[in-house]
Amino acid sequence: MCKIGVPALIGDTAISFMLVIGNYMFIDALGEDGVAAFSVACYLMPIVFMFGNSVAQSSMPIVSYNHGCGQDGRVRETFRMSLAVGAATGFLVSAVVFGGGGALASCFLERGTRAFELAESGIPLFAIGFVFFTLNIVLIGYLQSLERSREATIFMLLRGYALVFALSLIMPKALGVAGLWLTVPAAEAITLGAIIVRLVRRKGKV
C-alpha cells in the first residue's frame, strides 16, 4: 500500500512545489504585482486538482478489482470512460477559466491595477494546462490501479518537480512574461506526451 501510494503523496506535495517555484519566478521577473497576479492561479490549482482526482479516485477501485480478477475487458472499458470524463472535465475547466480570466481576477484584485492586468492576461495562458493536468492525474491513477507504481512515481515526479524546475529556468528567458505563465502547462503537456508514448509501447499489456 505504501509503495502504490507514493505517487499520490508526490502529487499532493507537487502542487506546493509548483506554487513555490512560481512565486520565485514571478517575484524575480515582475515584483510584488507579479506574485499577486500569480496568487489568483494558486487559488485555482487545488480546485482543478480536485476535478481530476475525483475522476481518478472513482475509477481506481473498479480498475484495480477487475485487474485482479483478470477481467481485462472491464479494465479497458473503465479506462476509456475515465479518460473521456477526465478530458471533458479538463476541457470544460480550461474553457471556463480561459474565457473568464478577467472575472476571476476581479474577485481577488482591484481592476485597473498592474496586478489585475497581469492576471487578466496571464490566467488564460495558465488555464491551457488544466486539460493536460487533469488527464495526467487520471492516467497516473490508472497506472497506480494496475500496480505499476514505479511508472506512476516517475511520471508524477516528472510533471510535478523535474519539468517544472527545468522549464522555470528556460521558459521565462525564451518567452518573457508569457513563459512565466506557460511553465506549468508546458510541464503537464510534456508529461502527457511521455505517458501516451509509454502506454502505446505497452499496447496489449493492460
N, C-alpha and C. Protein backbone atom coordinates (compact mmCIF):
# COMPACT_ATOMS: atom_id res chain seq x y z
N MET A 1 0.83 -1.21 0.00
CA MET A 1 0.00 0.00 0.00
C MET A 1 0.86 1.26 0.00
N CYS A 2 1.95 1.22 0.78
CA CYS A 2 2.84 2.38 0.82
C CYS A 2 3.48 2.61 -0.54
N LYS A 3 3.91 1.52 -1.18
CA LYS A 3 4.57 1.63 -2.48
C LYS A 3 3.63 2.22 -3.52
N ILE A 4 2.41 1.72 -3.57
CA ILE A 4 1.44 2.19 -4.56
C ILE A 4 0.97 3.61 -4.23
N GLY A 5 1.02 3.97 -2.95
CA GLY A 5 0.55 5.29 -2.55
C GLY A 5 1.55 6.41 -2.73
N VAL A 6 2.80 6.06 -3.02
CA VAL A 6 3.85 7.09 -3.19
C VAL A 6 3.49 8.12 -4.27
N PRO A 7 3.00 7.70 -5.46
CA PRO A 7 2.65 8.71 -6.47
C PRO A 7 1.62 9.72 -6.00
N ALA A 8 0.65 9.25 -5.21
CA ALA A 8 -0.37 10.17 -4.69
C ALA A 8 0.25 11.18 -3.73
N LEU A 9 1.17 10.71 -2.91
CA LEU A 9 1.87 11.60 -1.98
C LEU A 9 2.66 12.66 -2.76
N ILE A 10 3.36 12.22 -3.79
CA ILE A 10 4.15 13.15 -4.61
C ILE A 10 3.23 14.15 -5.29
N GLY A 11 2.09 13.67 -5.78
CA GLY A 11 1.13 14.55 -6.46
C GLY A 11 0.62 15.65 -5.55
N ASP A 12 0.34 15.31 -4.28
CA ASP A 12 -0.16 16.30 -3.34
C ASP A 12 0.91 17.35 -3.01
N THR A 13 2.14 16.89 -2.82
CA THR A 13 3.22 17.83 -2.49
C THR A 13 3.65 18.63 -3.71
N ALA A 14 3.43 18.07 -4.91
CA ALA A 14 3.87 18.75 -6.14
C ALA A 14 3.16 20.08 -6.34
N ILE A 15 1.91 20.17 -5.92
CA ILE A 15 1.18 21.43 -6.07
C ILE A 15 1.89 22.53 -5.29
N SER A 16 2.31 22.22 -4.06
CA SER A 16 3.03 23.20 -3.25
C SER A 16 4.34 23.59 -3.92
N PHE A 17 5.03 22.60 -4.47
CA PHE A 17 6.31 22.88 -5.14
C PHE A 17 6.10 23.80 -6.34
N MET A 18 5.07 23.51 -7.13
CA MET A 18 4.76 24.36 -8.29
C MET A 18 4.51 25.80 -7.86
N LEU A 19 3.77 25.97 -6.78
CA LEU A 19 3.42 27.31 -6.32
C LEU A 19 4.65 28.05 -5.78
N VAL A 20 5.53 27.32 -5.10
CA VAL A 20 6.75 27.95 -4.58
C VAL A 20 7.64 28.40 -5.74
N ILE A 21 7.84 27.51 -6.72
CA ILE A 21 8.65 27.87 -7.89
C ILE A 21 8.04 29.05 -8.62
N GLY A 22 6.71 29.02 -8.77
CA GLY A 22 6.01 30.11 -9.44
C GLY A 22 6.20 31.44 -8.73
N ASN A 23 6.12 31.41 -7.40
CA ASN A 23 6.31 32.65 -6.64
C ASN A 23 7.70 33.23 -6.85
N TYR A 24 8.70 32.37 -6.86
CA TYR A 24 10.07 32.83 -7.09
C TYR A 24 10.23 33.41 -8.49
N MET A 25 9.63 32.75 -9.48
CA MET A 25 9.72 33.25 -10.85
C MET A 25 9.07 34.62 -11.00
N PHE A 26 7.86 34.75 -10.45
CA PHE A 26 7.11 35.99 -10.62
C PHE A 26 7.70 37.14 -9.81
N ILE A 27 8.18 36.88 -8.60
CA ILE A 27 8.76 37.96 -7.81
C ILE A 27 10.05 38.44 -8.45
N ASP A 28 10.79 37.51 -9.07
CA ASP A 28 12.04 37.88 -9.71
C ASP A 28 11.80 38.70 -10.98
N ALA A 29 10.78 38.34 -11.73
CA ALA A 29 10.54 39.00 -13.02
C ALA A 29 9.61 40.21 -12.93
N LEU A 30 8.60 40.14 -12.05
CA LEU A 30 7.56 41.18 -12.06
C LEU A 30 7.33 41.83 -10.70
N GLY A 31 8.07 41.40 -9.71
CA GLY A 31 7.91 42.01 -8.40
C GLY A 31 6.63 41.58 -7.69
N GLU A 32 6.20 42.39 -6.73
CA GLU A 32 5.04 42.03 -5.92
C GLU A 32 3.75 41.94 -6.73
N ASP A 33 3.63 42.77 -7.75
CA ASP A 33 2.43 42.71 -8.59
C ASP A 33 2.34 41.37 -9.31
N GLY A 34 3.48 40.85 -9.72
CA GLY A 34 3.50 39.54 -10.38
C GLY A 34 3.07 38.43 -9.44
N VAL A 35 3.55 38.49 -8.21
CA VAL A 35 3.15 37.47 -7.21
C VAL A 35 1.66 37.58 -6.91
N ALA A 36 1.16 38.79 -6.81
CA ALA A 36 -0.27 38.98 -6.57
C ALA A 36 -1.10 38.40 -7.70
N ALA A 37 -0.63 38.60 -8.94
CA ALA A 37 -1.34 38.04 -10.09
C ALA A 37 -1.28 36.51 -10.08
N PHE A 38 -0.11 35.97 -9.79
CA PHE A 38 0.06 34.53 -9.76
C PHE A 38 -0.74 33.88 -8.63
N SER A 39 -0.96 34.63 -7.56
CA SER A 39 -1.71 34.07 -6.44
C SER A 39 -3.13 33.67 -6.84
N VAL A 40 -3.69 34.37 -7.84
CA VAL A 40 -5.02 34.00 -8.31
C VAL A 40 -4.98 32.60 -8.92
N ALA A 41 -3.93 32.33 -9.70
CA ALA A 41 -3.76 30.99 -10.27
C ALA A 41 -3.55 29.96 -9.17
N CYS A 42 -2.88 30.37 -8.09
CA CYS A 42 -2.64 29.46 -6.96
C CYS A 42 -3.96 29.03 -6.32
N TYR A 43 -4.94 29.94 -6.29
CA TYR A 43 -6.25 29.58 -5.74
C TYR A 43 -6.97 28.56 -6.62
N LEU A 44 -6.69 28.60 -7.91
CA LEU A 44 -7.38 27.72 -8.85
C LEU A 44 -6.82 26.30 -8.87
N MET A 45 -5.50 26.17 -8.66
CA MET A 45 -4.85 24.87 -8.81
C MET A 45 -5.48 23.76 -7.95
N PRO A 46 -5.68 23.97 -6.65
CA PRO A 46 -6.28 22.89 -5.85
C PRO A 46 -7.67 22.50 -6.33
N ILE A 47 -8.44 23.48 -6.83
CA ILE A 47 -9.78 23.19 -7.33
C ILE A 47 -9.71 22.31 -8.57
N VAL A 48 -8.81 22.66 -9.48
CA VAL A 48 -8.64 21.86 -10.70
C VAL A 48 -8.15 20.46 -10.34
N PHE A 49 -7.25 20.37 -9.37
CA PHE A 49 -6.75 19.07 -8.92
C PHE A 49 -7.89 18.19 -8.42
N MET A 50 -8.83 18.80 -7.70
CA MET A 50 -9.95 18.02 -7.18
C MET A 50 -10.81 17.44 -8.29
N PHE A 51 -10.97 18.18 -9.40
CA PHE A 51 -11.73 17.66 -10.53
C PHE A 51 -11.06 16.40 -11.08
N GLY A 52 -9.76 16.52 -11.38
CA GLY A 52 -9.04 15.37 -11.94
C GLY A 52 -8.94 14.22 -10.96
N ASN A 53 -8.70 14.53 -9.70
CA ASN A 53 -8.53 13.49 -8.70
C ASN A 53 -9.83 12.75 -8.44
N SER A 54 -10.95 13.45 -8.55
CA SER A 54 -12.24 12.78 -8.33
C SER A 54 -12.49 11.72 -9.40
N VAL A 55 -12.12 12.02 -10.64
CA VAL A 55 -12.27 11.03 -11.71
C VAL A 55 -11.33 9.86 -11.48
N ALA A 56 -10.08 10.17 -11.14
CA ALA A 56 -9.10 9.12 -10.91
C ALA A 56 -9.50 8.22 -9.75
N GLN A 57 -9.91 8.84 -8.62
CA GLN A 57 -10.27 8.07 -7.44
C GLN A 57 -11.52 7.23 -7.66
N SER A 58 -12.41 7.70 -8.51
CA SER A 58 -13.64 6.94 -8.79
C SER A 58 -13.35 5.69 -9.61
N SER A 59 -12.40 5.81 -10.54
CA SER A 59 -12.12 4.68 -11.42
C SER A 59 -11.13 3.69 -10.84
N MET A 60 -10.28 4.12 -9.93
CA MET A 60 -9.21 3.26 -9.42
C MET A 60 -9.68 1.95 -8.79
N PRO A 61 -10.67 1.97 -7.89
CA PRO A 61 -11.10 0.69 -7.31
C PRO A 61 -11.71 -0.26 -8.34
N ILE A 62 -12.41 0.30 -9.33
CA ILE A 62 -13.01 -0.54 -10.37
C ILE A 62 -11.93 -1.18 -11.23
N VAL A 63 -10.95 -0.38 -11.64
CA VAL A 63 -9.84 -0.89 -12.45
C VAL A 63 -9.05 -1.91 -11.66
N SER A 64 -8.72 -1.59 -10.41
CA SER A 64 -7.91 -2.47 -9.59
C SER A 64 -8.60 -3.82 -9.35
N TYR A 65 -9.89 -3.77 -9.01
CA TYR A 65 -10.63 -5.02 -8.74
C TYR A 65 -10.68 -5.91 -9.98
N ASN A 66 -11.04 -5.33 -11.11
CA ASN A 66 -11.17 -6.13 -12.34
C ASN A 66 -9.82 -6.59 -12.86
N HIS A 67 -8.79 -5.80 -12.62
CA HIS A 67 -7.44 -6.24 -12.99
C HIS A 67 -7.05 -7.47 -12.18
N GLY A 68 -7.37 -7.46 -10.88
CA GLY A 68 -7.08 -8.61 -10.04
C GLY A 68 -7.87 -9.85 -10.43
N CYS A 69 -9.08 -9.63 -10.97
CA CYS A 69 -9.93 -10.75 -11.41
C CYS A 69 -9.59 -11.23 -12.81
N GLY A 70 -8.68 -10.53 -13.48
CA GLY A 70 -8.33 -10.91 -14.85
C GLY A 70 -9.34 -10.46 -15.87
N GLN A 71 -10.21 -9.51 -15.50
CA GLN A 71 -11.24 -9.01 -16.42
C GLN A 71 -10.67 -7.82 -17.20
N ASP A 72 -9.80 -8.11 -18.15
CA ASP A 72 -9.12 -7.04 -18.87
C ASP A 72 -10.08 -6.18 -19.70
N GLY A 73 -11.15 -6.78 -20.17
CA GLY A 73 -12.14 -6.03 -20.94
C GLY A 73 -12.78 -4.94 -20.10
N ARG A 74 -13.12 -5.27 -18.88
CA ARG A 74 -13.72 -4.27 -17.98
C ARG A 74 -12.70 -3.20 -17.61
N VAL A 75 -11.45 -3.61 -17.46
CA VAL A 75 -10.40 -2.64 -17.16
C VAL A 75 -10.30 -1.62 -18.29
N ARG A 76 -10.26 -2.10 -19.53
CA ARG A 76 -10.15 -1.19 -20.68
C ARG A 76 -11.38 -0.30 -20.81
N GLU A 77 -12.56 -0.88 -20.54
CA GLU A 77 -13.79 -0.09 -20.64
C GLU A 77 -13.79 1.04 -19.60
N THR A 78 -13.41 0.71 -18.38
CA THR A 78 -13.36 1.72 -17.32
C THR A 78 -12.30 2.77 -17.63
N PHE A 79 -11.17 2.32 -18.17
CA PHE A 79 -10.09 3.24 -18.52
C PHE A 79 -10.55 4.24 -19.57
N ARG A 80 -11.21 3.73 -20.61
CA ARG A 80 -11.70 4.62 -21.68
C ARG A 80 -12.73 5.61 -21.14
N MET A 81 -13.60 5.14 -20.26
CA MET A 81 -14.62 6.01 -19.70
C MET A 81 -14.00 7.10 -18.83
N SER A 82 -13.05 6.73 -17.97
CA SER A 82 -12.41 7.71 -17.09
C SER A 82 -11.61 8.72 -17.89
N LEU A 83 -11.00 8.24 -18.99
CA LEU A 83 -10.22 9.14 -19.84
C LEU A 83 -11.14 10.15 -20.52
N ALA A 84 -12.29 9.67 -20.98
CA ALA A 84 -13.25 10.56 -21.64
C ALA A 84 -13.79 11.60 -20.67
N VAL A 85 -14.15 11.15 -19.47
CA VAL A 85 -14.69 12.09 -18.47
C VAL A 85 -13.59 13.08 -18.05
N GLY A 86 -12.37 12.58 -17.87
CA GLY A 86 -11.26 13.45 -17.49
C GLY A 86 -10.98 14.50 -18.55
N ALA A 87 -11.00 14.08 -19.82
CA ALA A 87 -10.75 15.02 -20.92
C ALA A 87 -11.86 16.07 -21.00
N ALA A 88 -13.11 15.62 -20.88
CA ALA A 88 -14.24 16.55 -20.94
C ALA A 88 -14.19 17.55 -19.79
N THR A 89 -13.88 17.04 -18.60
CA THR A 89 -13.78 17.92 -17.43
C THR A 89 -12.65 18.92 -17.59
N GLY A 90 -11.50 18.43 -18.05
CA GLY A 90 -10.35 19.31 -18.24
C GLY A 90 -10.62 20.40 -19.27
N PHE A 91 -11.23 20.02 -20.39
CA PHE A 91 -11.55 21.00 -21.43
C PHE A 91 -12.55 22.03 -20.91
N LEU A 92 -13.55 21.57 -20.16
CA LEU A 92 -14.57 22.48 -19.63
C LEU A 92 -13.94 23.50 -18.68
N VAL A 93 -13.13 23.01 -17.74
CA VAL A 93 -12.49 23.91 -16.77
C VAL A 93 -11.55 24.87 -17.48
N SER A 94 -10.77 24.35 -18.43
CA SER A 94 -9.86 25.21 -19.19
C SER A 94 -10.62 26.30 -19.94
N ALA A 95 -11.72 25.90 -20.57
CA ALA A 95 -12.51 26.86 -21.35
C ALA A 95 -13.11 27.94 -20.46
N VAL A 96 -13.65 27.54 -19.31
CA VAL A 96 -14.27 28.50 -18.40
C VAL A 96 -13.24 29.51 -17.89
N VAL A 97 -12.08 29.00 -17.45
CA VAL A 97 -11.05 29.89 -16.92
C VAL A 97 -10.42 30.72 -18.03
N PHE A 98 -10.22 30.11 -19.20
CA PHE A 98 -9.64 30.84 -20.33
C PHE A 98 -10.52 32.03 -20.72
N GLY A 99 -11.82 31.80 -20.74
CA GLY A 99 -12.73 32.86 -21.13
C GLY A 99 -13.08 33.83 -20.02
N GLY A 100 -12.86 33.42 -18.79
CA GLY A 100 -13.25 34.27 -17.67
C GLY A 100 -12.10 34.71 -16.79
N GLY A 101 -10.90 34.83 -17.40
CA GLY A 101 -9.73 35.23 -16.62
C GLY A 101 -9.91 36.56 -15.92
N GLY A 102 -10.48 37.53 -16.62
CA GLY A 102 -10.69 38.85 -16.02
C GLY A 102 -11.68 38.81 -14.87
N ALA A 103 -12.75 38.07 -15.05
CA ALA A 103 -13.77 37.97 -14.00
C ALA A 103 -13.20 37.30 -12.75
N LEU A 104 -12.40 36.26 -12.95
CA LEU A 104 -11.79 35.57 -11.82
C LEU A 104 -10.78 36.47 -11.11
N ALA A 105 -10.00 37.19 -11.91
CA ALA A 105 -9.01 38.08 -11.32
C ALA A 105 -9.67 39.18 -10.50
N SER A 106 -10.83 39.65 -10.95
CA SER A 106 -11.53 40.73 -10.25
C SER A 106 -12.06 40.30 -8.89
N CYS A 107 -12.16 39.00 -8.66
CA CYS A 107 -12.61 38.51 -7.36
C CYS A 107 -11.55 38.72 -6.28
N PHE A 108 -10.30 38.85 -6.71
CA PHE A 108 -9.20 38.96 -5.76
C PHE A 108 -8.40 40.26 -5.90
N LEU A 109 -8.45 40.87 -7.08
CA LEU A 109 -7.62 42.04 -7.36
C LEU A 109 -8.49 43.20 -7.86
N GLU A 110 -8.08 44.40 -7.56
CA GLU A 110 -8.83 45.58 -7.98
C GLU A 110 -8.56 45.88 -9.45
N ARG A 111 -9.63 46.08 -10.21
CA ARG A 111 -9.49 46.40 -11.63
C ARG A 111 -8.71 47.71 -11.81
N GLY A 112 -7.90 47.73 -12.85
CA GLY A 112 -7.11 48.91 -13.13
C GLY A 112 -5.72 48.88 -12.56
N THR A 113 -5.45 47.97 -11.63
CA THR A 113 -4.12 47.85 -11.06
C THR A 113 -3.23 47.00 -11.97
N ARG A 114 -1.93 47.14 -11.81
CA ARG A 114 -0.99 46.36 -12.63
C ARG A 114 -1.14 44.87 -12.35
N ALA A 115 -1.37 44.52 -11.09
CA ALA A 115 -1.54 43.11 -10.73
C ALA A 115 -2.74 42.51 -11.45
N PHE A 116 -3.83 43.29 -11.51
CA PHE A 116 -5.03 42.81 -12.20
C PHE A 116 -4.75 42.61 -13.69
N GLU A 117 -4.07 43.56 -14.31
CA GLU A 117 -3.77 43.46 -15.74
C GLU A 117 -2.89 42.24 -16.03
N LEU A 118 -1.92 41.97 -15.16
CA LEU A 118 -1.07 40.80 -15.33
C LEU A 118 -1.88 39.51 -15.21
N ALA A 119 -2.77 39.48 -14.23
CA ALA A 119 -3.61 38.29 -14.02
C ALA A 119 -4.58 38.09 -15.17
N GLU A 120 -5.19 39.19 -15.62
CA GLU A 120 -6.18 39.10 -16.69
C GLU A 120 -5.56 38.54 -17.97
N SER A 121 -4.34 38.94 -18.27
CA SER A 121 -3.69 38.47 -19.49
C SER A 121 -3.00 37.12 -19.31
N GLY A 122 -2.61 36.82 -18.07
CA GLY A 122 -1.85 35.60 -17.83
C GLY A 122 -2.65 34.36 -17.48
N ILE A 123 -3.75 34.54 -16.78
CA ILE A 123 -4.56 33.39 -16.35
C ILE A 123 -5.06 32.55 -17.53
N PRO A 124 -5.51 33.15 -18.64
CA PRO A 124 -5.89 32.32 -19.79
C PRO A 124 -4.76 31.44 -20.30
N LEU A 125 -3.52 31.94 -20.25
CA LEU A 125 -2.37 31.13 -20.65
C LEU A 125 -2.18 29.97 -19.67
N PHE A 126 -2.29 30.27 -18.40
CA PHE A 126 -2.14 29.24 -17.37
C PHE A 126 -3.22 28.18 -17.49
N ALA A 127 -4.43 28.62 -17.89
CA ALA A 127 -5.57 27.70 -17.99
C ALA A 127 -5.40 26.67 -19.10
N ILE A 128 -4.54 26.95 -20.06
CA ILE A 128 -4.30 25.98 -21.14
C ILE A 128 -3.84 24.64 -20.58
N GLY A 129 -3.14 24.70 -19.47
CA GLY A 129 -2.59 23.47 -18.90
C GLY A 129 -3.57 22.63 -18.11
N PHE A 130 -4.76 23.15 -17.83
CA PHE A 130 -5.68 22.42 -16.96
C PHE A 130 -6.13 21.09 -17.57
N VAL A 131 -6.32 21.07 -18.87
CA VAL A 131 -6.75 19.81 -19.51
C VAL A 131 -5.63 18.78 -19.44
N PHE A 132 -4.38 19.21 -19.63
CA PHE A 132 -3.25 18.28 -19.51
C PHE A 132 -3.10 17.81 -18.07
N PHE A 133 -3.29 18.74 -17.15
CA PHE A 133 -3.18 18.44 -15.72
C PHE A 133 -4.20 17.36 -15.32
N THR A 134 -5.44 17.55 -15.74
CA THR A 134 -6.49 16.60 -15.38
C THR A 134 -6.23 15.22 -15.98
N LEU A 135 -5.84 15.18 -17.24
CA LEU A 135 -5.56 13.90 -17.90
C LEU A 135 -4.38 13.19 -17.25
N ASN A 136 -3.37 13.94 -16.85
CA ASN A 136 -2.22 13.31 -16.20
C ASN A 136 -2.61 12.66 -14.88
N ILE A 137 -3.45 13.34 -14.11
CA ILE A 137 -3.90 12.77 -12.83
C ILE A 137 -4.68 11.48 -13.07
N VAL A 138 -5.54 11.48 -14.09
CA VAL A 138 -6.33 10.29 -14.40
C VAL A 138 -5.44 9.15 -14.87
N LEU A 139 -4.50 9.44 -15.74
CA LEU A 139 -3.62 8.40 -16.29
C LEU A 139 -2.69 7.83 -15.24
N ILE A 140 -2.15 8.69 -14.41
CA ILE A 140 -1.26 8.21 -13.35
C ILE A 140 -2.04 7.37 -12.34
N GLY A 141 -3.28 7.78 -12.06
CA GLY A 141 -4.13 6.97 -11.20
C GLY A 141 -4.41 5.60 -11.80
N TYR A 142 -4.56 5.55 -13.11
CA TYR A 142 -4.75 4.28 -13.81
C TYR A 142 -3.54 3.37 -13.63
N LEU A 143 -2.35 3.93 -13.75
CA LEU A 143 -1.13 3.14 -13.56
C LEU A 143 -1.03 2.63 -12.13
N GLN A 144 -1.43 3.45 -11.18
CA GLN A 144 -1.44 3.00 -9.79
C GLN A 144 -2.38 1.81 -9.61
N SER A 145 -3.53 1.87 -10.25
CA SER A 145 -4.52 0.80 -10.12
C SER A 145 -4.00 -0.53 -10.64
N LEU A 146 -3.08 -0.47 -11.61
CA LEU A 146 -2.50 -1.68 -12.19
C LEU A 146 -1.24 -2.10 -11.46
N GLU A 147 -0.97 -1.47 -10.33
CA GLU A 147 0.23 -1.73 -9.53
C GLU A 147 1.53 -1.42 -10.27
N ARG A 148 1.44 -0.51 -11.22
CA ARG A 148 2.63 -0.05 -11.93
C ARG A 148 3.12 1.22 -11.24
N SER A 149 3.47 1.04 -9.96
CA SER A 149 3.79 2.17 -9.11
C SER A 149 5.08 2.88 -9.53
N ARG A 150 6.04 2.14 -10.07
CA ARG A 150 7.29 2.78 -10.48
C ARG A 150 7.05 3.77 -11.60
N GLU A 151 6.26 3.36 -12.60
CA GLU A 151 5.93 4.26 -13.70
C GLU A 151 5.13 5.47 -13.20
N ALA A 152 4.16 5.20 -12.33
CA ALA A 152 3.33 6.28 -11.80
C ALA A 152 4.19 7.27 -11.01
N THR A 153 5.13 6.77 -10.25
CA THR A 153 6.01 7.63 -9.46
C THR A 153 6.89 8.49 -10.36
N ILE A 154 7.45 7.87 -11.39
CA ILE A 154 8.32 8.59 -12.32
C ILE A 154 7.56 9.72 -13.00
N PHE A 155 6.37 9.42 -13.49
CA PHE A 155 5.59 10.44 -14.19
C PHE A 155 5.14 11.55 -13.24
N MET A 156 4.81 11.20 -12.01
CA MET A 156 4.39 12.22 -11.05
C MET A 156 5.57 13.13 -10.70
N LEU A 157 6.76 12.54 -10.54
CA LEU A 157 7.96 13.34 -10.29
C LEU A 157 8.29 14.22 -11.48
N LEU A 158 8.08 13.67 -12.68
CA LEU A 158 8.39 14.40 -13.90
C LEU A 158 7.53 15.65 -14.02
N ARG A 159 6.19 15.48 -13.87
CA ARG A 159 5.27 16.60 -14.05
C ARG A 159 5.31 17.59 -12.89
N GLY A 160 5.53 17.09 -11.68
CA GLY A 160 5.41 17.94 -10.51
C GLY A 160 6.69 18.59 -10.05
N TYR A 161 7.82 18.00 -10.40
CA TYR A 161 9.09 18.51 -9.89
C TYR A 161 10.11 18.78 -11.00
N ALA A 162 10.53 17.71 -11.68
CA ALA A 162 11.66 17.83 -12.62
C ALA A 162 11.39 18.83 -13.74
N LEU A 163 10.27 18.67 -14.43
CA LEU A 163 9.98 19.54 -15.57
C LEU A 163 9.65 20.96 -15.13
N VAL A 164 8.93 21.10 -14.04
CA VAL A 164 8.60 22.44 -13.56
C VAL A 164 9.87 23.21 -13.23
N PHE A 165 10.81 22.55 -12.56
CA PHE A 165 12.06 23.21 -12.20
C PHE A 165 12.88 23.54 -13.45
N ALA A 166 13.02 22.55 -14.36
CA ALA A 166 13.82 22.77 -15.56
C ALA A 166 13.22 23.86 -16.45
N LEU A 167 11.91 23.80 -16.65
CA LEU A 167 11.27 24.79 -17.52
C LEU A 167 11.20 26.18 -16.90
N SER A 168 11.23 26.25 -15.58
CA SER A 168 11.24 27.56 -14.92
C SER A 168 12.53 28.32 -15.22
N LEU A 169 13.57 27.59 -15.60
CA LEU A 169 14.84 28.22 -15.96
C LEU A 169 14.90 28.59 -17.43
N ILE A 170 14.02 27.97 -18.23
CA ILE A 170 14.08 28.14 -19.68
C ILE A 170 12.96 29.03 -20.22
N MET A 171 11.72 28.73 -19.83
CA MET A 171 10.56 29.39 -20.42
C MET A 171 10.54 30.91 -20.24
N PRO A 172 10.79 31.45 -19.04
CA PRO A 172 10.77 32.91 -18.90
C PRO A 172 11.81 33.62 -19.76
N LYS A 173 12.97 33.00 -19.91
CA LYS A 173 14.02 33.61 -20.74
C LYS A 173 13.66 33.53 -22.21
N ALA A 174 12.98 32.47 -22.60
CA ALA A 174 12.65 32.28 -24.02
C ALA A 174 11.42 33.06 -24.44
N LEU A 175 10.42 33.16 -23.54
CA LEU A 175 9.13 33.76 -23.93
C LEU A 175 8.74 34.98 -23.11
N GLY A 176 9.58 35.40 -22.20
CA GLY A 176 9.26 36.56 -21.39
C GLY A 176 8.15 36.29 -20.39
N VAL A 177 7.25 37.25 -20.23
CA VAL A 177 6.16 37.12 -19.25
C VAL A 177 5.27 35.93 -19.57
N ALA A 178 5.01 35.70 -20.85
CA ALA A 178 4.18 34.55 -21.24
C ALA A 178 4.81 33.24 -20.77
N GLY A 179 6.13 33.18 -20.79
CA GLY A 179 6.83 31.98 -20.34
C GLY A 179 6.62 31.69 -18.87
N LEU A 180 6.43 32.73 -18.08
CA LEU A 180 6.14 32.54 -16.66
C LEU A 180 4.84 31.75 -16.48
N TRP A 181 3.83 32.17 -17.23
CA TRP A 181 2.51 31.54 -17.11
C TRP A 181 2.47 30.16 -17.77
N LEU A 182 3.31 29.94 -18.77
CA LEU A 182 3.24 28.70 -19.54
C LEU A 182 4.17 27.61 -19.03
N THR A 183 4.93 27.88 -17.98
CA THR A 183 5.86 26.88 -17.45
C THR A 183 5.14 25.62 -16.99
N VAL A 184 4.14 25.79 -16.15
CA VAL A 184 3.39 24.63 -15.64
C VAL A 184 2.60 23.93 -16.75
N PRO A 185 1.87 24.65 -17.61
CA PRO A 185 1.19 23.98 -18.72
C PRO A 185 2.15 23.18 -19.61
N ALA A 186 3.33 23.72 -19.87
CA ALA A 186 4.31 23.01 -20.70
C ALA A 186 4.77 21.73 -20.02
N ALA A 187 4.99 21.80 -18.71
CA ALA A 187 5.40 20.61 -17.95
C ALA A 187 4.33 19.53 -18.02
N GLU A 188 3.07 19.94 -17.89
CA GLU A 188 1.96 18.98 -17.94
C GLU A 188 1.82 18.38 -19.35
N ALA A 189 1.98 19.21 -20.38
CA ALA A 189 1.83 18.73 -21.76
C ALA A 189 2.94 17.73 -22.10
N ILE A 190 4.16 18.02 -21.70
CA ILE A 190 5.27 17.11 -21.98
C ILE A 190 5.07 15.77 -21.25
N THR A 191 4.63 15.86 -20.00
CA THR A 191 4.37 14.62 -19.24
C THR A 191 3.27 13.80 -19.88
N LEU A 192 2.20 14.46 -20.33
CA LEU A 192 1.12 13.73 -21.00
C LEU A 192 1.65 13.02 -22.23
N GLY A 193 2.49 13.69 -23.01
CA GLY A 193 3.08 13.06 -24.18
C GLY A 193 3.90 11.85 -23.81
N ALA A 194 4.68 11.95 -22.72
CA ALA A 194 5.52 10.84 -22.27
C ALA A 194 4.66 9.64 -21.83
N ILE A 195 3.56 9.93 -21.13
CA ILE A 195 2.68 8.85 -20.68
C ILE A 195 2.03 8.15 -21.87
N ILE A 196 1.58 8.92 -22.84
CA ILE A 196 0.94 8.34 -24.03
C ILE A 196 1.92 7.45 -24.77
N VAL A 197 3.16 7.92 -24.92
CA VAL A 197 4.18 7.11 -25.59
C VAL A 197 4.40 5.80 -24.84
N ARG A 198 4.46 5.88 -23.52
CA ARG A 198 4.66 4.68 -22.71
C ARG A 198 3.50 3.70 -22.86
N LEU A 199 2.29 4.20 -22.83
CA LEU A 199 1.12 3.33 -22.95
C LEU A 199 1.04 2.70 -24.34
N VAL A 200 1.37 3.45 -25.37
CA VAL A 200 1.35 2.92 -26.73
C VAL A 200 2.38 1.81 -26.88
N ARG A 201 3.55 1.99 -26.31
CA ARG A 201 4.61 0.98 -26.40
C ARG A 201 4.22 -0.30 -25.67
N ARG A 202 3.38 -0.16 -24.66
CA ARG A 202 2.94 -1.34 -23.90
C ARG A 202 1.55 -1.78 -24.33
N LYS A 203 1.16 -1.42 -25.55
CA LYS A 203 -0.15 -1.78 -26.06
C LYS A 203 -0.34 -3.29 -25.98
N GLY A 204 -1.49 -3.67 -25.46
CA GLY A 204 -1.76 -5.10 -25.33
C GLY A 204 -1.40 -5.63 -23.96
N LYS A 205 -0.67 -4.80 -23.17
CA LYS A 205 -0.34 -5.20 -21.82
C LYS A 205 -1.10 -4.31 -20.85
N VAL A 206 -2.23 -4.78 -20.40
CA VAL A 206 -3.11 -3.98 -19.54
C VAL A 206 -2.44 -3.74 -18.20
